[in-house]
C-alpha cells in the first residue's frame, strides 16, 4: 500500500534535483557553496517533516539560515568577549569603532580620514599636469 504523501527525504531529493539546472549555471565556486547549503538543509529534515503548513523549500531555506546563523554566532563568541554588554546605541558605536581599529591595525589598512569641511561623497579634484 502506497503513501498518500511523499516523505520529507523524497521531497528534499526532488527539490535538490530541481535545483540542478540552476546549479550548473553557477560559477564553480558558487556551485560548491550551493552544495554546502544543501548539506546544511539536510541536517534538519526531521524538523521539516513536522512543518506541514509551509512549503518544503521554505523549510529547507530556514534550515540553511539556522545553520549559517549558528556558525555566525560561534564566530561572534570567539571574536567578541562575552562580558561586553551594550546598553545604548553610543556604546555600540564605540565598541564597533574599537573593533574596526583593531582590525585595521592587524591588517595594516589605514582608516580614511576626511577634512572637516569635506563631504565624504564628494570626490577630491587634483589639478591635471602634463
Protein backbone atom coordinates (compact mmCIF):
# COMPACT_ATOMS: atom_id res chain seq x y z
CA UNK A 1 0.00 0.00 0.00
CA UNK A 2 1.46 3.36 -1.03
CA UNK A 3 1.83 6.52 0.93
CA UNK A 4 -0.53 9.39 0.36
CA UNK A 5 2.28 11.95 0.59
CA UNK A 6 6.00 11.83 -0.10
CA UNK A 7 8.38 11.57 2.80
CA UNK A 8 10.44 14.63 3.63
CA UNK A 9 13.58 12.90 2.33
CA UNK A 10 11.91 12.18 -1.01
CA UNK A 11 10.73 15.78 -1.19
CA UNK A 12 14.23 17.04 -0.36
CA UNK A 13 15.72 14.86 -3.12
CA UNK A 14 13.12 16.19 -5.59
CA UNK A 15 13.92 19.80 -4.65
CA UNK A 16 17.64 19.08 -4.95
CA UNK A 17 17.10 17.61 -8.42
CA UNK A 18 15.04 20.66 -9.40
CA UNK A 19 17.99 22.89 -8.49
CA UNK A 20 20.45 21.01 -10.73
CA UNK A 21 19.91 23.23 -13.80
CA UNK A 22 20.34 26.32 -11.67
CA UNK A 23 23.44 24.82 -10.08
CA UNK A 24 25.03 24.11 -13.48
CA UNK A 25 24.52 27.77 -14.46
CA UNK A 26 26.50 28.98 -11.44
CA UNK A 27 30.26 29.53 -11.28
CA UNK A 28 32.26 26.59 -9.92
CA UNK A 29 32.91 28.38 -6.63
CA UNK A 30 29.21 29.18 -6.25
CA UNK A 31 28.31 25.58 -7.13
CA UNK A 32 30.39 24.43 -4.17
CA UNK A 33 28.64 26.93 -1.90
CA UNK A 34 25.22 25.74 -3.06
CA UNK A 35 26.29 22.16 -2.45
CA UNK A 36 27.29 23.09 1.12
CA UNK A 37 23.97 24.88 1.66
CA UNK A 38 22.06 21.80 0.53
CA UNK A 39 24.01 19.71 3.02
CA UNK A 40 23.09 22.21 5.74
CA UNK A 41 19.41 21.98 4.81
CA UNK A 42 19.50 18.20 5.05
CA UNK A 43 20.58 18.44 8.69
CA UNK A 44 17.05 19.49 9.68
CA UNK A 45 14.89 17.09 7.65
CA UNK A 46 13.33 15.61 10.76
CA UNK A 47 12.23 19.04 11.94
CA UNK A 48 11.00 19.95 8.45
CA UNK A 49 8.72 16.90 8.43
CA UNK A 50 6.74 18.48 11.28
CA UNK A 51 6.23 21.73 9.37
CA UNK A 52 3.35 20.59 7.21
CA UNK A 53 1.90 24.09 6.97
CA UNK A 54 4.82 25.56 4.96
CA UNK A 55 6.25 24.73 1.56
CA UNK A 56 9.12 22.22 1.62
CA UNK A 57 11.59 24.64 0.03
CA UNK A 58 10.78 27.20 2.72
CA UNK A 59 11.62 24.65 5.40
CA UNK A 60 14.90 23.84 3.65
CA UNK A 61 15.81 27.53 3.36
CA UNK A 62 15.01 28.10 7.03
CA UNK A 63 17.24 25.13 7.89
CA UNK A 64 20.08 26.69 5.90
CA UNK A 65 19.61 30.02 7.65
CA UNK A 66 19.61 28.34 11.07
CA UNK A 67 22.89 26.56 10.37
CA UNK A 68 24.53 29.69 8.96
CA UNK A 69 23.31 31.71 11.94
CA UNK A 70 24.76 29.12 14.33
CA UNK A 71 28.12 29.46 12.56
CA UNK A 72 27.89 33.26 12.78
CA UNK A 73 27.11 33.14 16.50
CA UNK A 74 30.04 30.78 17.01
CA UNK A 75 32.36 33.21 15.22
CA UNK A 76 30.98 36.12 17.23
CA UNK A 77 31.52 34.33 20.50
CA UNK A 78 35.15 33.73 19.52
CA UNK A 79 35.66 37.35 18.45
CA UNK A 80 33.68 39.46 20.90
CA UNK A 81 34.24 38.86 24.61
CA UNK A 82 31.16 37.58 26.43
CA UNK A 83 31.38 40.15 29.23
CA UNK A 84 30.66 43.02 26.84
CA UNK A 85 27.21 44.48 27.39
CA UNK A 86 25.80 47.27 25.31
CA UNK A 87 23.14 49.41 26.94
CA UNK A 88 22.95 52.29 24.48
CA UNK A 89 23.50 52.92 20.78
CA UNK A 90 26.50 55.14 21.52
CA UNK A 91 28.19 52.29 23.40
CA UNK A 92 27.57 50.00 20.43
CA UNK A 93 29.12 52.52 18.04
CA UNK A 94 32.14 52.92 20.34
CA UNK A 95 32.58 49.15 20.52
CA UNK A 96 32.33 48.80 16.75
CA UNK A 97 34.87 51.61 16.27
CA UNK A 98 37.29 49.84 18.59
CA UNK A 99 36.85 46.55 16.74
CA UNK A 100 37.42 48.25 13.39
CA UNK A 101 40.55 49.99 14.67
CA UNK A 102 41.93 46.68 15.95
CA UNK A 103 41.16 45.02 12.62
CA UNK A 104 42.81 47.87 10.71
CA UNK A 105 45.93 47.58 12.86
CA UNK A 106 46.10 43.83 12.27
CA UNK A 107 45.59 44.06 8.51
CA UNK A 108 47.65 47.20 8.04
CA UNK A 109 44.77 49.15 6.50
CA UNK A 110 44.69 52.80 7.37
CA UNK A 111 41.31 54.37 8.03
CA UNK A 112 40.16 57.04 5.60
CA UNK A 113 40.19 60.50 7.18
CA UNK A 114 38.28 63.44 5.75
CA UNK A 115 38.80 67.11 6.28
CA UNK A 116 36.13 68.67 8.47
CA UNK A 117 34.71 70.75 5.64
CA UNK A 118 34.94 68.00 3.03
CA UNK A 119 31.92 65.91 2.14
CA UNK A 120 32.97 62.22 2.06
CA UNK A 121 30.80 61.62 -1.03
CA UNK A 122 32.38 64.49 -2.94
CA UNK A 123 35.49 63.50 -4.94
CA UNK A 124 38.69 65.40 -4.38
CA UNK A 125 39.87 67.13 -7.55
CA UNK A 126 43.54 67.17 -8.36
CA UNK A 127 44.94 69.62 -10.95
CA UNK A 128 45.97 67.89 -14.16
CA UNK A 129 49.62 68.34 -15.04
CA UNK A 130 51.26 67.31 -18.28
